[in-house]
Amino acid sequence: MRRLRFRLSISKAQLLRYYQGRVAALSVDTEQGLRLQLPLHHLRGFVGHDGLSGYFEIELNELNQLQGLRRIF
């Protein structure tokens, strides 16, 4: 398993555009220097009143399939 970390800070207004169907995935740059395409539905559980922000860790299997996602802080 591979674990990658990244930060997100997306305002409520930006998220509304995403949820209106204009964007299906986010592109995030990890601390390890990789760019990931992350389907937006994986982040829905982390959205708050002000939008989406935090420091996240994603766990991928050998086929680069999502195995876990958590907010560290």
N, C-alpha and C. Protein backbone atom coordinates (compact mmCIF):
# COMPACT_ATOMS: atom_id res chain seq x y z
N MET A 1 0.84 -1.18 0.00
CA MET A 1 0.00 0.00 0.00
C MET A 1 0.88 1.25 0.00
N ARG A 2 0.39 2.25 -0.67
CA ARG A 2 1.11 3.52 -0.72
C ARG A 2 0.24 4.59 -0.09
N ARG A 3 0.86 5.44 0.72
CA ARG A 3 0.14 6.54 1.37
C ARG A 3 0.71 7.86 0.88
N LEU A 4 -0.19 8.75 0.49
CA LEU A 4 0.19 10.07 -0.01
C LEU A 4 -0.57 11.13 0.77
N ARG A 5 0.07 12.28 0.98
CA ARG A 5 -0.57 13.36 1.74
C ARG A 5 -0.69 14.62 0.89
N PHE A 6 -1.78 15.35 1.14
CA PHE A 6 -2.01 16.60 0.41
C PHE A 6 -2.90 17.52 1.24
N ARG A 7 -2.86 18.80 0.89
CA ARG A 7 -3.70 19.82 1.53
C ARG A 7 -4.75 20.30 0.54
N LEU A 8 -5.92 20.63 1.08
CA LEU A 8 -7.00 21.19 0.26
C LEU A 8 -7.58 22.40 0.97
N SER A 9 -7.94 23.38 0.19
CA SER A 9 -8.67 24.54 0.70
C SER A 9 -9.58 25.02 -0.43
N ILE A 10 -10.84 24.64 -0.35
CA ILE A 10 -11.81 24.95 -1.40
C ILE A 10 -13.00 25.64 -0.75
N SER A 11 -13.34 26.81 -1.24
CA SER A 11 -14.44 27.59 -0.65
C SER A 11 -15.79 26.94 -0.95
N LYS A 12 -16.79 27.38 -0.21
CA LYS A 12 -18.15 26.88 -0.42
C LYS A 12 -18.64 27.21 -1.83
N ALA A 13 -18.32 28.42 -2.32
CA ALA A 13 -18.73 28.83 -3.67
C ALA A 13 -18.09 27.94 -4.74
N GLN A 14 -16.83 27.61 -4.58
CA GLN A 14 -16.16 26.74 -5.54
C GLN A 14 -16.79 25.35 -5.52
N LEU A 15 -17.09 24.85 -4.33
CA LEU A 15 -17.70 23.52 -4.23
C LEU A 15 -19.07 23.47 -4.89
N LEU A 16 -19.83 24.55 -4.77
CA LEU A 16 -21.15 24.58 -5.41
C LEU A 16 -21.03 24.40 -6.92
N ARG A 17 -20.03 25.00 -7.53
CA ARG A 17 -19.82 24.81 -8.97
C ARG A 17 -19.51 23.35 -9.28
N TYR A 18 -18.70 22.73 -8.43
CA TYR A 18 -18.36 21.32 -8.63
C TYR A 18 -19.62 20.45 -8.55
N TYR A 19 -20.43 20.71 -7.54
CA TYR A 19 -21.62 19.88 -7.33
C TYR A 19 -22.69 20.12 -8.38
N GLN A 20 -22.62 21.23 -9.09
CA GLN A 20 -23.59 21.49 -10.15
C GLN A 20 -23.24 20.72 -11.42
N GLY A 21 -22.22 19.88 -11.34
CA GLY A 21 -21.90 19.01 -12.45
C GLY A 21 -20.82 19.51 -13.38
N ARG A 22 -20.22 20.63 -13.06
CA ARG A 22 -19.18 21.17 -13.94
C ARG A 22 -17.85 20.45 -13.78
N VAL A 23 -17.63 19.86 -12.64
CA VAL A 23 -16.36 19.18 -12.36
C VAL A 23 -16.66 17.85 -11.68
N ALA A 24 -16.06 16.78 -12.17
CA ALA A 24 -16.28 15.46 -11.58
C ALA A 24 -15.13 15.03 -10.69
N ALA A 25 -13.95 15.64 -10.89
CA ALA A 25 -12.77 15.23 -10.12
C ALA A 25 -11.90 16.44 -9.82
N LEU A 26 -11.16 16.33 -8.74
CA LEU A 26 -10.19 17.35 -8.38
C LEU A 26 -8.80 16.86 -8.71
N SER A 27 -7.96 17.77 -9.10
CA SER A 27 -6.55 17.46 -9.31
C SER A 27 -5.81 17.99 -8.09
N VAL A 28 -5.13 17.11 -7.38
CA VAL A 28 -4.39 17.52 -6.18
C VAL A 28 -2.92 17.14 -6.34
N ASP A 29 -2.07 18.03 -5.84
CA ASP A 29 -0.63 17.76 -5.82
C ASP A 29 -0.26 17.26 -4.43
N THR A 30 0.37 16.11 -4.38
CA THR A 30 0.75 15.53 -3.10
C THR A 30 2.09 16.07 -2.64
N GLU A 31 2.37 15.89 -1.36
CA GLU A 31 3.66 16.27 -0.80
C GLU A 31 4.80 15.47 -1.44
N GLN A 32 4.47 14.32 -1.97
CA GLN A 32 5.46 13.44 -2.57
C GLN A 32 5.76 13.82 -4.03
N GLY A 33 5.13 14.89 -4.52
CA GLY A 33 5.40 15.36 -5.87
C GLY A 33 4.56 14.74 -6.96
N LEU A 34 3.51 14.03 -6.59
CA LEU A 34 2.63 13.40 -7.58
C LEU A 34 1.35 14.22 -7.72
N ARG A 35 0.75 14.16 -8.88
CA ARG A 35 -0.55 14.79 -9.11
C ARG A 35 -1.59 13.69 -9.23
N LEU A 36 -2.65 13.79 -8.43
CA LEU A 36 -3.73 12.79 -8.44
C LEU A 36 -5.01 13.40 -8.96
N GLN A 37 -5.79 12.61 -9.68
CA GLN A 37 -7.16 12.96 -10.04
C GLN A 37 -8.04 12.24 -9.04
N LEU A 38 -8.73 12.99 -8.21
CA LEU A 38 -9.53 12.41 -7.14
C LEU A 38 -11.01 12.71 -7.39
N PRO A 39 -11.82 11.69 -7.66
CA PRO A 39 -13.26 11.92 -7.86
C PRO A 39 -13.86 12.66 -6.66
N LEU A 40 -14.63 13.67 -6.96
CA LEU A 40 -15.18 14.55 -5.93
C LEU A 40 -16.04 13.80 -4.92
N HIS A 41 -16.73 12.76 -5.33
CA HIS A 41 -17.63 12.07 -4.40
C HIS A 41 -16.87 11.45 -3.22
N HIS A 42 -15.58 11.19 -3.36
CA HIS A 42 -14.80 10.65 -2.24
C HIS A 42 -14.59 11.68 -1.13
N LEU A 43 -14.78 12.95 -1.43
CA LEU A 43 -14.53 14.02 -0.46
C LEU A 43 -15.79 14.55 0.20
N ARG A 44 -16.95 14.10 -0.20
CA ARG A 44 -18.21 14.66 0.31
C ARG A 44 -18.33 14.59 1.82
N GLY A 45 -17.83 13.54 2.42
CA GLY A 45 -17.93 13.40 3.87
C GLY A 45 -17.09 14.39 4.66
N PHE A 46 -16.22 15.13 3.98
CA PHE A 46 -15.34 16.08 4.64
C PHE A 46 -15.77 17.53 4.43
N VAL A 47 -16.85 17.75 3.71
CA VAL A 47 -17.31 19.11 3.41
C VAL A 47 -18.03 19.69 4.62
N GLY A 48 -17.66 20.93 4.96
CA GLY A 48 -18.30 21.64 6.07
C GLY A 48 -19.05 22.86 5.56
N HIS A 49 -19.56 23.67 6.47
CA HIS A 49 -20.33 24.86 6.10
C HIS A 49 -19.50 25.87 5.30
N ASP A 50 -18.21 25.91 5.55
CA ASP A 50 -17.33 26.87 4.87
C ASP A 50 -16.67 26.31 3.62
N GLY A 51 -16.89 25.06 3.33
CA GLY A 51 -16.27 24.44 2.16
C GLY A 51 -15.51 23.19 2.56
N LEU A 52 -14.37 23.01 1.95
CA LEU A 52 -13.56 21.81 2.16
C LEU A 52 -12.12 22.23 2.40
N SER A 53 -11.61 21.90 3.56
CA SER A 53 -10.21 22.24 3.83
C SER A 53 -9.63 21.22 4.79
N GLY A 54 -8.32 21.09 4.74
CA GLY A 54 -7.64 20.20 5.65
C GLY A 54 -6.42 19.56 5.04
N TYR A 55 -5.82 18.74 5.83
CA TYR A 55 -4.63 17.98 5.46
C TYR A 55 -5.07 16.53 5.40
N PHE A 56 -4.91 15.88 4.26
CA PHE A 56 -5.47 14.56 4.01
C PHE A 56 -4.40 13.53 3.70
N GLU A 57 -4.75 12.28 3.99
CA GLU A 57 -3.91 11.16 3.61
C GLU A 57 -4.77 10.18 2.82
N ILE A 58 -4.26 9.79 1.66
CA ILE A 58 -4.95 8.82 0.81
C ILE A 58 -4.11 7.55 0.76
N GLU A 59 -4.79 6.43 0.79
CA GLU A 59 -4.11 5.14 0.72
C GLU A 59 -4.51 4.46 -0.58
N LEU A 60 -3.50 4.05 -1.36
CA LEU A 60 -3.72 3.41 -2.65
C LEU A 60 -3.13 2.01 -2.65
N ASN A 61 -3.78 1.10 -3.37
CA ASN A 61 -3.22 -0.25 -3.50
C ASN A 61 -2.21 -0.28 -4.65
N GLU A 62 -1.73 -1.45 -4.98
CA GLU A 62 -0.70 -1.61 -6.01
C GLU A 62 -1.20 -1.20 -7.40
N LEU A 63 -2.51 -1.18 -7.60
CA LEU A 63 -3.11 -0.77 -8.87
C LEU A 63 -3.53 0.70 -8.85
N ASN A 64 -3.09 1.42 -7.81
CA ASN A 64 -3.44 2.84 -7.61
C ASN A 64 -4.93 3.06 -7.41
N GLN A 65 -5.60 2.08 -6.85
CA GLN A 65 -7.02 2.21 -6.52
C GLN A 65 -7.14 2.68 -5.08
N LEU A 66 -8.11 3.55 -4.86
CA LEU A 66 -8.33 4.12 -3.53
C LEU A 66 -8.71 3.03 -2.53
N GLN A 67 -8.00 2.97 -1.43
CA GLN A 67 -8.30 2.04 -0.35
C GLN A 67 -8.77 2.76 0.90
N GLY A 68 -8.37 4.02 1.03
CA GLY A 68 -8.77 4.79 2.20
C GLY A 68 -8.43 6.26 2.02
N LEU A 69 -9.21 7.10 2.69
CA LEU A 69 -8.99 8.54 2.68
C LEU A 69 -9.38 9.07 4.04
N ARG A 70 -8.49 9.85 4.64
CA ARG A 70 -8.83 10.42 5.95
C ARG A 70 -8.24 11.82 6.07
N ARG A 71 -8.94 12.64 6.88
CA ARG A 71 -8.42 13.97 7.17
C ARG A 71 -7.55 13.84 8.41
N ILE A 72 -6.33 14.31 8.30
CA ILE A 72 -5.41 14.26 9.43
C ILE A 72 -5.67 15.44 10.35
N PHE A 73 -5.84 16.62 9.79
CA PHE A 73 -6.26 17.82 10.53
C PHE A 73 -6.65 18.89 9.57
